[in-house]
C-alpha atoms as a PDB file:
ATOM      1  CA  MET A   1     -14.334 -24.282  66.646  1.00  0.00           C
ATOM      2  CA  GLU A   2     -12.908 -27.682  66.602  1.00  0.00           C
ATOM      3  CA  ASN A   3     -12.751 -29.726  69.595  1.00  0.00           C
ATOM      4  CA  ALA A   4      -9.229 -29.569  70.757  1.00  0.00           C
ATOM      5  CA  GLN A   5      -9.275 -32.835  72.732  1.00  0.00           C
ATOM      6  CA  LYS A   6     -10.065 -34.834  69.841  1.00  0.00           C
ATOM      7  CA  THR A   7      -7.445 -33.037  67.590  1.00  0.00           C
ATOM      8  CA  LYS A   8      -4.174 -34.342  67.170  1.00  0.00           C
ATOM      9  CA  VAL A   9      -1.153 -32.140  66.099  1.00  0.00           C
ATOM     10  CA  LEU A  10       2.218 -33.306  65.109  1.00  0.00           C
ATOM     11  CA  VAL A  11       5.178 -30.709  65.993  1.00  0.00           C
ATOM     12  CA  THR A  12       8.237 -31.338  64.233  1.00  0.00           C
ATOM     13  CA  GLY A  13      11.567 -30.763  66.448  1.00  0.00           C
ATOM     14  CA  GLY A  14      10.098 -30.356  69.892  1.00  0.00           C
ATOM     15  CA  THR A  15      13.581 -29.835  71.437  1.00  0.00           C
ATOM     16  CA  GLY A  16      13.750 -26.655  69.647  1.00  0.00           C
ATOM     17  CA  PHE A  17      13.346 -23.089  71.127  1.00  0.00           C
ATOM     18  CA  LEU A  18      10.152 -22.754  69.047  1.00  0.00           C
ATOM     19  CA  GLY A  19       9.211 -26.194  69.211  1.00  0.00           C
ATOM     20  CA  VAL A  20       9.024 -26.441  72.945  1.00  0.00           C
ATOM     21  CA  HIS A  21       6.869 -23.325  73.133  1.00  0.00           C
ATOM     22  CA  THR A  22       4.436 -24.570  70.209  1.00  0.00           C
ATOM     23  CA  VAL A  23       4.187 -27.856  72.146  1.00  0.00           C
ATOM     24  CA  LEU A  24       3.578 -26.020  75.316  1.00  0.00           C
ATOM     25  CA  GLN A  25       0.547 -23.828  73.973  1.00  0.00           C
ATOM     26  CA  LEU A  26      -0.926 -26.660  72.516  1.00  0.00           C
ATOM     27  CA  LEU A  27      -1.101 -28.610  75.632  1.00  0.00           C
ATOM     28  CA  GLN A  28      -2.527 -25.701  77.349  1.00  0.00           C
ATOM     29  CA  GLN A  29      -5.384 -25.643  74.663  1.00  0.00           C
ATOM     30  CA  GLY A  30      -6.225 -29.067  75.399  1.00  0.00           C
ATOM     31  CA  TYR A  31      -4.714 -30.696  71.906  1.00  0.00           C
ATOM     32  CA  GLN A  32      -3.226 -34.262  71.594  1.00  0.00           C
ATOM     33  CA  VAL A  33       0.366 -33.456  70.777  1.00  0.00           C
ATOM     34  CA  ARG A  34       2.827 -35.641  69.124  1.00  0.00           C
ATOM     35  CA  THR A  35       6.486 -34.283  68.763  1.00  0.00           C
ATOM     36  CA  THR A  36       9.389 -35.837  66.731  1.00  0.00           C
ATOM     37  CA  LEU A  37      12.851 -35.763  68.062  1.00  0.00           C
ATOM     38  CA  ARG A  38      16.250 -36.776  66.299  1.00  0.00           C
ATOM     39  CA  SER A  39      16.848 -39.015  69.383  1.00  0.00           C
ATOM     40  CA  LEU A  40      14.525 -40.131  72.131  1.00  0.00           C
ATOM     41  CA  SER A  41      17.073 -39.525  74.741  1.00  0.00           C
ATOM     42  CA  LYS A  42      16.157 -35.925  74.386  1.00  0.00           C
ATOM     43  CA  LYS A  43      12.609 -35.955  75.613  1.00  0.00           C
ATOM     44  CA  ASP A  44      13.590 -35.564  79.225  1.00  0.00           C
ATOM     45  CA  GLN A  45      14.615 -31.889  78.282  1.00  0.00           C
ATOM     46  CA  ILE A  46      11.257 -30.997  76.801  1.00  0.00           C
ATOM     47  CA  ILE A  47       9.560 -32.487  79.893  1.00  0.00           C
ATOM     48  CA  LYS A  48      11.711 -30.447  82.198  1.00  0.00           C
ATOM     49  CA  ALA A  49      10.921 -27.207  80.075  1.00  0.00           C
ATOM     50  CA  LEU A  50       6.996 -27.915  80.184  1.00  0.00           C
ATOM     51  CA  GLU A  51       7.128 -28.718  84.067  1.00  0.00           C
ATOM     52  CA  GLU A  52       8.831 -25.471  84.432  1.00  0.00           C
ATOM     53  CA  SER A  53       5.974 -23.833  82.633  1.00  0.00           C
ATOM     54  CA  GLY A  54       3.339 -25.556  84.716  1.00  0.00           C
ATOM     55  CA  ILE A  55       2.462 -28.396  82.620  1.00  0.00           C
ATOM     56  CA  THR A  56       1.464 -31.404  85.199  1.00  0.00           C
ATOM     57  CA  ASP A  57      -0.613 -34.130  82.810  1.00  0.00           C
ATOM     58  CA  PHE A  58       1.689 -35.575  80.281  1.00  0.00           C
ATOM     59  CA  SER A  59      -0.904 -38.023  78.988  1.00  0.00           C
ATOM     60  CA  PRO A  60      -1.886 -35.898  76.102  1.00  0.00           C
ATOM     61  CA  LEU A  61       1.695 -35.693  74.853  1.00  0.00           C
ATOM     62  CA  SER A  62       3.800 -38.490  73.001  1.00  0.00           C
ATOM     63  CA  PHE A  63       7.271 -38.552  71.253  1.00  0.00           C
ATOM     64  CA  ILE A  64       8.367 -40.380  67.996  1.00  0.00           C
ATOM     65  CA  GLU A  65      11.773 -40.689  66.908  1.00  0.00           C
ATOM     66  CA  ALA A  66      12.398 -39.103  63.535  1.00  0.00           C
ATOM     67  CA  ASP A  67      15.021 -37.041  61.519  1.00  0.00           C
ATOM     68  CA  LEU A  68      14.517 -34.632  58.575  1.00  0.00           C
ATOM     69  CA  THR A  69      17.521 -36.238  56.899  1.00  0.00           C
ATOM     70  CA  ASN A  70      15.983 -39.882  56.329  1.00  0.00           C
ATOM     71  CA  ASP A  71      12.532 -41.166  55.614  1.00  0.00           C
ATOM     72  CA  TYR A  72      12.447 -43.557  58.758  1.00  0.00           C
ATOM     73  CA  ASN A  73       9.291 -43.177  60.790  1.00  0.00           C
ATOM     74  CA  TRP A  74       7.861 -40.357  59.223  1.00  0.00           C
ATOM     75  CA  ASP A  75       4.734 -42.335  58.188  1.00  0.00           C
ATOM     76  CA  GLU A  76       4.140 -43.137  61.751  1.00  0.00           C
ATOM     77  CA  ALA A  77       5.041 -39.752  63.001  1.00  0.00           C
ATOM     78  CA  VAL A  78       1.745 -38.227  60.876  1.00  0.00           C
ATOM     79  CA  LYS A  79      -0.355 -41.207  61.421  1.00  0.00           C
ATOM     80  CA  GLY A  80      -3.777 -40.154  62.850  1.00  0.00           C
ATOM     81  CA  CYS A  81      -2.699 -36.233  63.028  1.00  0.00           C
ATOM     82  CA  ASP A  82      -5.162 -33.791  61.743  1.00  0.00           C
ATOM     83  CA  TYR A  83      -2.547 -31.205  61.537  1.00  0.00           C
ATOM     84  CA  VAL A  84       1.465 -30.796  61.266  1.00  0.00           C
ATOM     85  CA  LEU A  85       3.229 -27.743  62.418  1.00  0.00           C
ATOM     86  CA  HIS A  86       6.806 -28.057  60.795  1.00  0.00           C
ATOM     87  CA  VAL A  87       8.846 -25.954  62.959  1.00  0.00           C
ATOM     88  CA  ALA A  88      12.119 -28.012  63.094  1.00  0.00           C
ATOM     89  CA  SER A  89      14.921 -26.489  60.991  1.00  0.00           C
ATOM     90  CA  PRO A  90      18.666 -26.822  61.048  1.00  0.00           C
ATOM     91  CA  PHE A  91      20.052 -23.027  61.832  1.00  0.00           C
ATOM     92  CA  PRO A  92      23.826 -23.329  61.734  1.00  0.00           C
ATOM     93  CA  ALA A  93      26.102 -21.336  64.019  1.00  0.00           C
ATOM     94  CA  LYS A  94      28.395 -20.445  61.070  1.00  0.00           C
ATOM     95  CA  ASP A  95      27.976 -20.606  57.408  1.00  0.00           C
ATOM     96  CA  PRO A  96      29.228 -23.944  55.849  1.00  0.00           C
ATOM     97  CA  LYS A  97      31.829 -24.064  53.156  1.00  0.00           C
ATOM     98  CA  ASP A  98      29.524 -25.619  51.028  1.00  0.00           C
ATOM     99  CA  GLU A  99      25.984 -24.080  50.927  1.00  0.00           C
ATOM    100  CA  ASN A 100      24.461 -27.282  49.681  1.00  0.00           C
ATOM    101  CA  GLU A 101      24.963 -28.691  53.335  1.00  0.00           C
ATOM    102  CA  LEU A 102      22.271 -26.438  54.418  1.00  0.00           C
ATOM    103  CA  ILE A 103      20.198 -26.278  51.431  1.00  0.00           C
ATOM    104  CA  ILE A 104      19.728 -29.882  50.791  1.00  0.00           C
ATOM    105  CA  PRO A 105      18.662 -30.946  54.308  1.00  0.00           C
ATOM    106  CA  ALA A 106      16.443 -27.758  54.602  1.00  0.00           C
ATOM    107  CA  ARG A 107      14.665 -28.547  51.434  1.00  0.00           C
ATOM    108  CA  ASP A 108      14.484 -32.157  51.613  1.00  0.00           C
ATOM    109  CA  GLY A 109      13.186 -32.123  54.980  1.00  0.00           C
ATOM    110  CA  ALA A 110      10.262 -29.736  54.274  1.00  0.00           C
ATOM    111  CA  LEU A 111       9.347 -32.233  51.208  1.00  0.00           C
ATOM    112  CA  ARG A 112       9.781 -35.251  53.339  1.00  0.00           C
ATOM    113  CA  VAL A 113       7.256 -33.846  55.917  1.00  0.00           C
ATOM    114  CA  LEU A 114       4.758 -32.792  53.157  1.00  0.00           C
ATOM    115  CA  LYS A 115       4.692 -35.964  51.266  1.00  0.00           C
ATOM    116  CA  ALA A 116       4.258 -38.097  54.520  1.00  0.00           C
ATOM    117  CA  SER A 117       1.288 -35.573  55.577  1.00  0.00           C
ATOM    118  CA  ARG A 118      -0.397 -35.763  52.295  1.00  0.00           C
ATOM    119  CA  ASP A 119      -0.128 -39.609  52.358  1.00  0.00           C
ATOM    120  CA  GLY A 120      -1.073 -39.812  55.939  1.00  0.00           C
ATOM    121  CA  GLY A 121      -4.446 -37.756  55.403  1.00  0.00           C
ATOM    122  CA  VAL A 122      -3.152 -34.735  57.298  1.00  0.00           C
ATOM    123  CA  LYS A 123      -5.661 -31.460  56.507  1.00  0.00           C
ATOM    124  CA  ARG A 124      -3.216 -28.771  56.844  1.00  0.00           C
ATOM    125  CA  VAL A 125       0.785 -28.267  57.298  1.00  0.00           C
ATOM    126  CA  VAL A 126       2.027 -24.796  58.737  1.00  0.00           C
ATOM    127  CA  LEU A 127       5.469 -24.867  57.819  1.00  0.00           C
ATOM    128  CA  THR A 128       8.099 -22.356  59.532  1.00  0.00           C
ATOM    129  CA  SER A 129       9.858 -20.688  56.993  1.00  0.00           C
ATOM    130  CA  SER A 130      11.689 -17.324  57.663  1.00  0.00           C
ATOM    131  CA  PHE A 131      11.794 -13.700  56.866  1.00  0.00           C
ATOM    132  CA  ALA A 132      15.263 -14.699  55.211  1.00  0.00           C
ATOM    133  CA  ALA A 133      12.667 -16.025  52.291  1.00  0.00           C
ATOM    134  CA  VAL A 134      11.104 -12.579  51.824  1.00  0.00           C
ATOM    135  CA  GLY A 135      13.498  -9.763  52.500  1.00  0.00           C
ATOM    136  CA  TYR A 136      16.726 -10.265  50.477  1.00  0.00           C
ATOM    137  CA  SER A 137      16.151  -8.961  47.086  1.00  0.00           C
ATOM    138  CA  THR A 138      15.245  -5.054  47.009  1.00  0.00           C
ATOM    139  CA  ASP A 139      17.674  -2.399  48.581  1.00  0.00           C
ATOM    140  CA  ILE A 140      15.610   0.536  48.026  1.00  0.00           C
ATOM    141  CA  GLU A 141      15.808   2.905  51.090  1.00  0.00           C
ATOM    142  CA  ASN A 142      12.600   2.945  53.223  1.00  0.00           C
ATOM    143  CA  TYR A 143      10.976  -0.211  51.190  1.00  0.00           C
ATOM    144  CA  ILE A 144       8.638  -1.865  53.333  1.00  0.00           C
ATOM    145  CA  PHE A 145       8.564  -5.941  52.795  1.00  0.00           C
ATOM    146  CA  THR A 146       5.405  -7.754  52.722  1.00  0.00           C
ATOM    147  CA  GLU A 147       4.360 -11.449  52.063  1.00  0.00           C
ATOM    148  CA  LYS A 148       4.468 -10.677  48.099  1.00  0.00           C
ATOM    149  CA  ASP A 149       8.430 -10.285  48.411  1.00  0.00           C
ATOM    150  CA  TRP A 150      10.804 -13.067  47.490  1.00  0.00           C
ATOM    151  CA  THR A 151      14.645 -13.243  48.386  1.00  0.00           C
ATOM    152  CA  ASP A 152      16.386 -13.579  45.165  1.00  0.00           C
ATOM    153  CA  THR A 153      18.265 -16.970  44.993  1.00  0.00           C
ATOM    154  CA  ASN A 154      20.422 -15.556  42.194  1.00  0.00           C
ATOM    155  CA  ILE A 155      22.444 -13.174  44.344  1.00  0.00           C
ATOM    156  CA  ASP A 156      25.268 -13.659  46.613  1.00  0.00           C
ATOM    157  CA  LEU A 157      23.629 -14.850  49.802  1.00  0.00           C
ATOM    158  CA  PRO A 158      24.586 -16.617  53.146  1.00  0.00           C
ATOM    159  CA  ALA A 159      23.819 -20.126  52.844  1.00  0.00           C
ATOM    160  CA  TYR A 160      21.079 -20.046  55.588  1.00  0.00           C
ATOM    161  CA  ILE A 161      19.190 -17.370  53.768  1.00  0.00           C
ATOM    162  CA  LYS A 162      19.265 -19.124  50.389  1.00  0.00           C
ATOM    163  CA  SER A 163      18.211 -22.674  52.441  1.00  0.00           C
ATOM    164  CA  LYS A 164      15.162 -21.202  53.724  1.00  0.00           C
ATOM    165  CA  THR A 165      14.259 -19.466  50.391  1.00  0.00           C
ATOM    166  CA  VAL A 166      14.743 -22.555  48.414  1.00  0.00           C
ATOM    167  CA  ALA A 167      12.850 -24.788  50.954  1.00  0.00           C
ATOM    168  CA  GLU A 168       9.913 -22.652  50.926  1.00  0.00           C
ATOM    169  CA  LYS A 169       9.550 -22.246  47.207  1.00  0.00           C
ATOM    170  CA  SER A 170       9.971 -26.004  46.810  1.00  0.00           C
ATOM    171  CA  ALA A 171       7.299 -26.666  49.281  1.00  0.00           C
ATOM    172  CA  TRP A 172       4.701 -24.407  47.617  1.00  0.00           C
ATOM    173  CA  LYS A 173       5.655 -26.071  44.249  1.00  0.00           C
ATOM    174  CA  PHE A 174       5.062 -29.651  45.982  1.00  0.00           C
ATOM    175  CA  ILE A 175       1.614 -28.262  47.073  1.00  0.00           C
ATOM    176  CA  GLU A 176       0.700 -26.961  43.944  1.00  0.00           C
ATOM    177  CA  GLU A 177       1.767 -30.002  41.602  1.00  0.00           C
ATOM    178  CA  GLU A 178       1.229 -33.014  44.086  1.00  0.00           C
ATOM    179  CA  GLY A 179      -0.241 -31.790  47.266  1.00  0.00           C
ATOM    180  CA  ASN A 180      -3.687 -33.372  46.277  1.00  0.00           C
ATOM    181  CA  ASN A 181      -6.083 -31.870  49.147  1.00  0.00           C
ATOM    182  CA  LEU A 182      -3.216 -31.146  51.625  1.00  0.00           C
ATOM    183  CA  GLU A 183      -3.353 -27.584  52.643  1.00  0.00           C
ATOM    184  CA  MET A 184      -0.458 -25.301  53.916  1.00  0.00           C
ATOM    185  CA  SER A 185       0.221 -22.146  55.509  1.00  0.00           C
ATOM    186  CA  VAL A 186       3.443 -20.676  55.890  1.00  0.00           C
ATOM    187  CA  ILE A 187       4.981 -18.383  58.766  1.00  0.00           C
ATOM    188  CA  ASN A 188       8.033 -16.206  57.999  1.00  0.00           C
ATOM    189  CA  PRO A 189       9.474 -15.118  61.378  1.00  0.00           C
ATOM    190  CA  VAL A 190      12.119 -12.522  62.020  1.00  0.00           C
ATOM    191  CA  GLY A 191      14.443 -12.897  64.974  1.00  0.00           C
ATOM    192  CA  ILE A 192      12.847 -15.084  67.420  1.00  0.00           C
ATOM    193  CA  PHE A 193      13.487 -13.893  71.182  1.00  0.00           C
ATOM    194  CA  GLY A 194      11.326 -14.164  74.374  1.00  0.00           C
ATOM    195  CA  PRO A 195      11.684 -16.410  77.373  1.00  0.00           C
ATOM    196  CA  ALA A 196      14.037 -19.387  77.235  1.00  0.00           C
ATOM    197  CA  ILE A 197      12.380 -22.519  79.233  1.00  0.00           C
ATOM    198  CA  GLY A 198      14.167 -25.493  80.561  1.00  0.00           C
ATOM    199  CA  GLY A 199      17.473 -23.822  79.354  1.00  0.00           C
ATOM    200  CA  ILE A 200      16.354 -24.354  75.663  1.00  0.00           C
ATOM    201  CA  THR A 201      17.717 -21.307  73.602  1.00  0.00           C
ATOM    202  CA  SER A 202      18.054 -20.415  69.973  1.00  0.00           C
ATOM    203  CA  ALA A 203      21.033 -19.249  67.734  1.00  0.00           C
ATOM    204  CA  SER A 204      19.290 -15.682  67.617  1.00  0.00           C
ATOM    205  CA  LEU A 205      19.297 -15.824  71.296  1.00  0.00           C
ATOM    206  CA  ASP A 206      22.664 -17.064  71.706  1.00  0.00           C
ATOM    207  CA  VAL A 207      24.231 -14.452  69.576  1.00  0.00           C
ATOM    208  CA  ALA A 208      22.013 -11.048  70.147  1.00  0.00           C
ATOM    209  CA  VAL A 209      21.100 -11.767  73.886  1.00  0.00           C
ATOM    210  CA  ILE A 210      23.678 -13.748  75.551  1.00  0.00           C
ATOM    211  CA  GLY A 211      26.687 -12.580  73.338  1.00  0.00           C
ATOM    212  CA  ILE A 212      26.087  -9.060  73.797  1.00  0.00           C
ATOM    213  CA  LEU A 213      25.303  -9.530  77.375  1.00  0.00           C
ATOM    214  CA  ASN A 214      28.597 -11.778  77.892  1.00  0.00           C
ATOM    215  CA  GLY A 215      30.706  -9.176  76.009  1.00  0.00           C
ATOM    216  CA  ASP A 216      31.282 -11.805  73.158  1.00  0.00           C
ATOM    217  CA  LEU A 217      30.309  -9.016  70.614  1.00  0.00           C
ATOM    218  CA  GLU A 218      33.126  -6.602  69.917  1.00  0.00           C
ATOM    219  CA  SER A 219      31.427  -4.380  67.568  1.00  0.00           C
ATOM    220  CA  THR A 220      28.126  -3.707  65.843  1.00  0.00           C
ATOM    221  CA  PRO A 221      27.270  -5.988  62.973  1.00  0.00           C
ATOM    222  CA  HIS A 222      26.281  -4.028  59.751  1.00  0.00           C
ATOM    223  CA  PHE A 223      22.588  -5.286  59.746  1.00  0.00           C
ATOM    224  CA  THR A 224      19.355  -4.910  61.406  1.00  0.00           C
ATOM    225  CA  MET A 225      16.543  -7.414  62.213  1.00  0.00           C
ATOM    226  CA  GLY A 226      13.067  -7.536  63.083  1.00  0.00           C
ATOM    227  CA  VAL A 227      12.301  -9.203  66.662  1.00  0.00           C
ATOM    228  CA  VAL A 228       9.324 -11.277  67.692  1.00  0.00           C
ATOM    229  CA  ASP A 229       8.457 -13.018  70.681  1.00  0.00           C
ATOM    230  CA  VAL A 230       8.467 -16.802  70.593  1.00  0.00           C
ATOM    231  CA  ARG A 231       5.174 -17.018  72.363  1.00  0.00           C
ATOM    232  CA  ASP A 232       3.745 -15.214  69.715  1.00  0.00           C
ATOM    233  CA  VAL A 233       5.324 -17.239  67.155  1.00  0.00           C
ATOM    234  CA  ALA A 234       3.924 -20.224  68.677  1.00  0.00           C
ATOM    235  CA  ASP A 235       0.633 -18.529  68.744  1.00  0.00           C
ATOM    236  CA  ILE A 236       0.594 -17.511  64.923  1.00  0.00           C
ATOM    237  CA  HIS A 237       1.287 -21.072  64.011  1.00  0.00           C
ATOM    238  CA  ILE A 238      -1.816 -22.401  65.865  1.00  0.00           C
ATOM    239  CA  LYS A 239      -3.898 -19.271  64.408  1.00  0.00           C
ATOM    240  CA  ALA A 240      -2.686 -20.312  60.825  1.00  0.00           C
ATOM    241  CA  MET A 241      -3.636 -23.893  61.535  1.00  0.00           C
ATOM    242  CA  LEU A 242      -7.045 -23.214  62.358  1.00  0.00           C
ATOM    243  CA  HIS A 243      -8.087 -20.169  60.411  1.00  0.00           C
ATOM    244  CA  PRO A 244      -9.927 -21.157  57.067  1.00  0.00           C
ATOM    245  CA  ASN A 245      -8.385 -17.998  55.175  1.00  0.00           C
ATOM    246  CA  ALA A 246      -4.614 -19.077  56.007  1.00  0.00           C
ATOM    247  CA  ALA A 247      -4.695 -22.054  53.578  1.00  0.00           C
ATOM    248  CA  GLY A 248      -2.247 -21.096  50.809  1.00  0.00           C
ATOM    249  CA  GLU A 249      -0.963 -18.100  52.435  1.00  0.00           C
ATOM    250  CA  ARG A 250       2.131 -16.869  53.965  1.00  0.00           C
ATOM    251  CA  PHE A 251       2.585 -14.644  56.980  1.00  0.00           C
ATOM    252  CA  ILE A 252       5.340 -12.440  58.341  1.00  0.00           C
ATOM    253  CA  ALA A 253       5.693 -12.862  61.907  1.00  0.00           C
ATOM    254  CA  THR A 254       7.341  -9.725  63.502  1.00  0.00           C
ATOM    255  CA  SER A 255       6.538  -7.027  66.062  1.00  0.00           C
ATOM    256  CA  GLU A 256       6.916  -3.144  65.182  1.00  0.00           C
ATOM    257  CA  GLY A 257      10.036  -1.992  63.793  1.00  0.00           C
ATOM    258  CA  THR A 258      13.642  -3.184  63.562  1.00  0.00           C
ATOM    259  CA  MET A 259      16.607  -2.924  65.582  1.00  0.00           C
ATOM    260  CA  SER A 260      20.590  -3.113  65.128  1.00  0.00           C
ATOM    261  CA  PHE A 261      22.731  -4.845  67.945  1.00  0.00           C
ATOM    262  CA  TYR A 262      23.609  -1.544  69.235  1.00  0.00           C
ATOM    263  CA  ASP A 263      20.053  -0.764  69.914  1.00  0.00           C
ATOM    264  CA  VAL A 264      19.504  -4.119  71.776  1.00  0.00           C
ATOM    265  CA  ALA A 265      22.610  -3.145  73.928  1.00  0.00           C
ATOM    266  CA  GLU A 266      21.203   0.153  74.433  1.00  0.00           C
ATOM    267  CA  LEU A 267      17.833  -1.330  75.651  1.00  0.00           C
ATOM    268  CA  PHE A 268      19.679  -3.702  78.130  1.00  0.00           C
ATOM    269  CA  LYS A 269      21.586  -0.805  79.545  1.00  0.00           C
ATOM    270  CA  LYS A 270      18.736   1.136  80.050  1.00  0.00           C
ATOM    271  CA  GLU A 271      16.277  -1.506  81.569  1.00  0.00           C
ATOM    272  CA  ARG A 272      18.516  -4.134  82.760  1.00  0.00           C
ATOM    273  CA  PRO A 273      21.687  -2.411  83.756  1.00  0.00           C
ATOM    274  CA  GLN A 274      22.367  -5.294  86.616  1.00  0.00           C
ATOM    275  CA  PHE A 275      22.907  -7.646  83.654  1.00  0.00           C
ATOM    276  CA  THR A 276      25.429  -5.441  81.462  1.00  0.00           C
ATOM    277  CA  LYS A 277      28.632  -5.659  83.594  1.00  0.00           C
ATOM    278  CA  LYS A 278      30.437  -7.707  81.084  1.00  0.00           C
ATOM    279  CA  MET A 279      28.910  -5.653  77.893  1.00  0.00           C
ATOM    280  CA  LYS A 280      31.361  -4.117  75.547  1.00  0.00           C
ATOM    281  CA  ARG A 281      30.584  -0.709  74.035  1.00  0.00           C
ATOM    282  CA  LEU A 282      28.866  -1.038  70.661  1.00  0.00           C
ATOM    283  CA  GLU A 283      28.623   1.870  68.187  1.00  0.00           C
ATOM    284  CA  PRO A 284      25.338   2.849  66.281  1.00  0.00           C
ATOM    285  CA  ILE A 285      24.928   1.990  62.627  1.00  0.00           C
ATOM    286  CA  ASP A 286      23.815   4.263  59.678  1.00  0.00           C
ATOM    287  CA  ARG A 287      19.946   4.232  59.568  1.00  0.00           C
ATOM    288  CA  VAL A 288      20.122   3.483  55.968  1.00  0.00           C
ATOM    289  CA  TYR A 289      20.554  -0.109  57.010  1.00  0.00           C
ATOM    290  CA  TYR A 290      17.274  -0.415  58.745  1.00  0.00           C
ATOM    291  CA  LYS A 291      15.122  -3.066  57.006  1.00  0.00           C
ATOM    292  CA  GLN A 292      11.349  -2.599  57.375  1.00  0.00           C
ATOM    293  CA  MET A 293       8.605  -5.390  57.182  1.00  0.00           C
ATOM    294  CA  SER A 294       4.941  -5.265  57.921  1.00  0.00           C
ATOM    295  CA  ASN A 295       2.883  -7.499  59.843  1.00  0.00           C
ATOM    296  CA  GLU A 296      -0.443  -5.992  58.644  1.00  0.00           C
ATOM    297  CA  LYS A 297      -1.614  -9.415  57.069  1.00  0.00           C
ATOM    298  CA  ALA A 298      -1.103 -11.481  60.042  1.00  0.00           C
ATOM    299  CA  ARG A 299      -2.993  -8.938  62.060  1.00  0.00           C
ATOM    300  CA  SER A 300      -5.951  -8.576  59.826  1.00  0.00           C
ATOM    301  CA  VAL A 301      -6.206 -12.066  58.474  1.00  0.00           C
ATOM    302  CA  LEU A 302      -5.326 -13.826  61.936  1.00  0.00           C
ATOM    303  CA  ASN A 303      -6.409 -11.300  64.479  1.00  0.00           C
ATOM    304  CA  TRP A 304      -2.629 -11.800  65.776  1.00  0.00           C
ATOM    305  CA  ASN A 305      -1.297  -9.280  68.124  1.00  0.00           C
ATOM    306  CA  PRO A 306       2.407  -9.649  68.852  1.00  0.00           C
ATOM    307  CA  ARG A 307       4.125  -8.309  72.003  1.00  0.00           C
ATOM    308  CA  SER A 308       6.864  -5.498  71.578  1.00  0.00           C
ATOM    309  CA  ARG A 309      10.254  -5.983  70.623  1.00  0.00           C
ATOM    310  CA  GLU A 310      11.476  -4.592  73.930  1.00  0.00           C
ATOM    311  CA  GLU A 311       9.290  -7.159  75.621  1.00  0.00           C
ATOM    312  CA  ALA A 312      10.628  -9.828  73.813  1.00  0.00           C
ATOM    313  CA  LEU A 313      14.269  -8.952  74.361  1.00  0.00           C
ATOM    314  CA  LEU A 314      13.727  -8.277  77.964  1.00  0.00           C
ATOM    315  CA  ALA A 315      11.935 -11.524  78.466  1.00  0.00           C
ATOM    316  CA  SER A 316      15.211 -13.232  77.061  1.00  0.00           C
ATOM    317  CA  ALA A 317      17.443 -11.553  79.018  1.00  0.00           C
ATOM    318  CA  ASP A 318      15.420 -12.219  82.243  1.00  0.00           C
ATOM    319  CA  SER A 319      15.391 -15.836  81.574  1.00  0.00           C
ATOM    320  CA  VAL A 320      18.770 -16.435  80.651  1.00  0.00           C
ATOM    321  CA  MET A 321      20.618 -13.932  83.240  1.00  0.00           C
ATOM    322  CA  ASN A 322      18.265 -15.058  86.236  1.00  0.00           C
ATOM    323  CA  VAL A 323      19.291 -18.902  86.201  1.00  0.00           C
END
């Protein structure tokens, strides 16, 4: 086992929902942590979230200003780091008119981090991709998606789904053709839920938890999602960073089963009725639409044991409604 105190890890995008949880777990495990922010004025937000989670010693944590859309400071950001967890990613509130507004920053941002990591002598990069890069190609009923599947970018897709696929494919191509000795592992999470700390939420949480509970959602969207707890996604990144067999592999991060927004609303009605006064009545959707995906590889290779989808969603509701 590596000595955590002598190991330095860069986490990109520390003010994000996943970023701050990842920084938290690394600090709890004794690592030296550096995190990138688009603006250093945001660092108080991270410190508040970490303090709320019991961190008292901030000496192992440092901040650096770096933006995925330009080269400035990335060489400094990776300097002296053993590992890079590239979790930062633009997630739009709505689809842009021009899909390239999302595709180009997602792809170029990933390549910028990989190039700096290779040139800076980093051992391994763990890249956060998405189930979006896996699960949009096959429409066979009861098909179970695994890491062998790739979204087909030639079909008509929302820009976000396309951007995640293009970015991940470009990253693998870079590693293969010009990565030299740099290792990469990729995590493909489904919808990320779980507790918001320091008031830092995510697009999934804003839409599927706050949106449902506040009554912003008038009808059930015609899709289903896998659910995973942010604490488990941070954990799988650290496992993939350390495990010898994780290099060159991708891992779907999901708890068991999938849900529609109707199912989420029903869970809240049953388990947290006190939060549901404003909630609109949603209708169930056809079972045919339930996408299925397997977390077997993450469980068997990385010994990863995620919390249930119910626990993740209820932790989200508790953290946003009890403030």
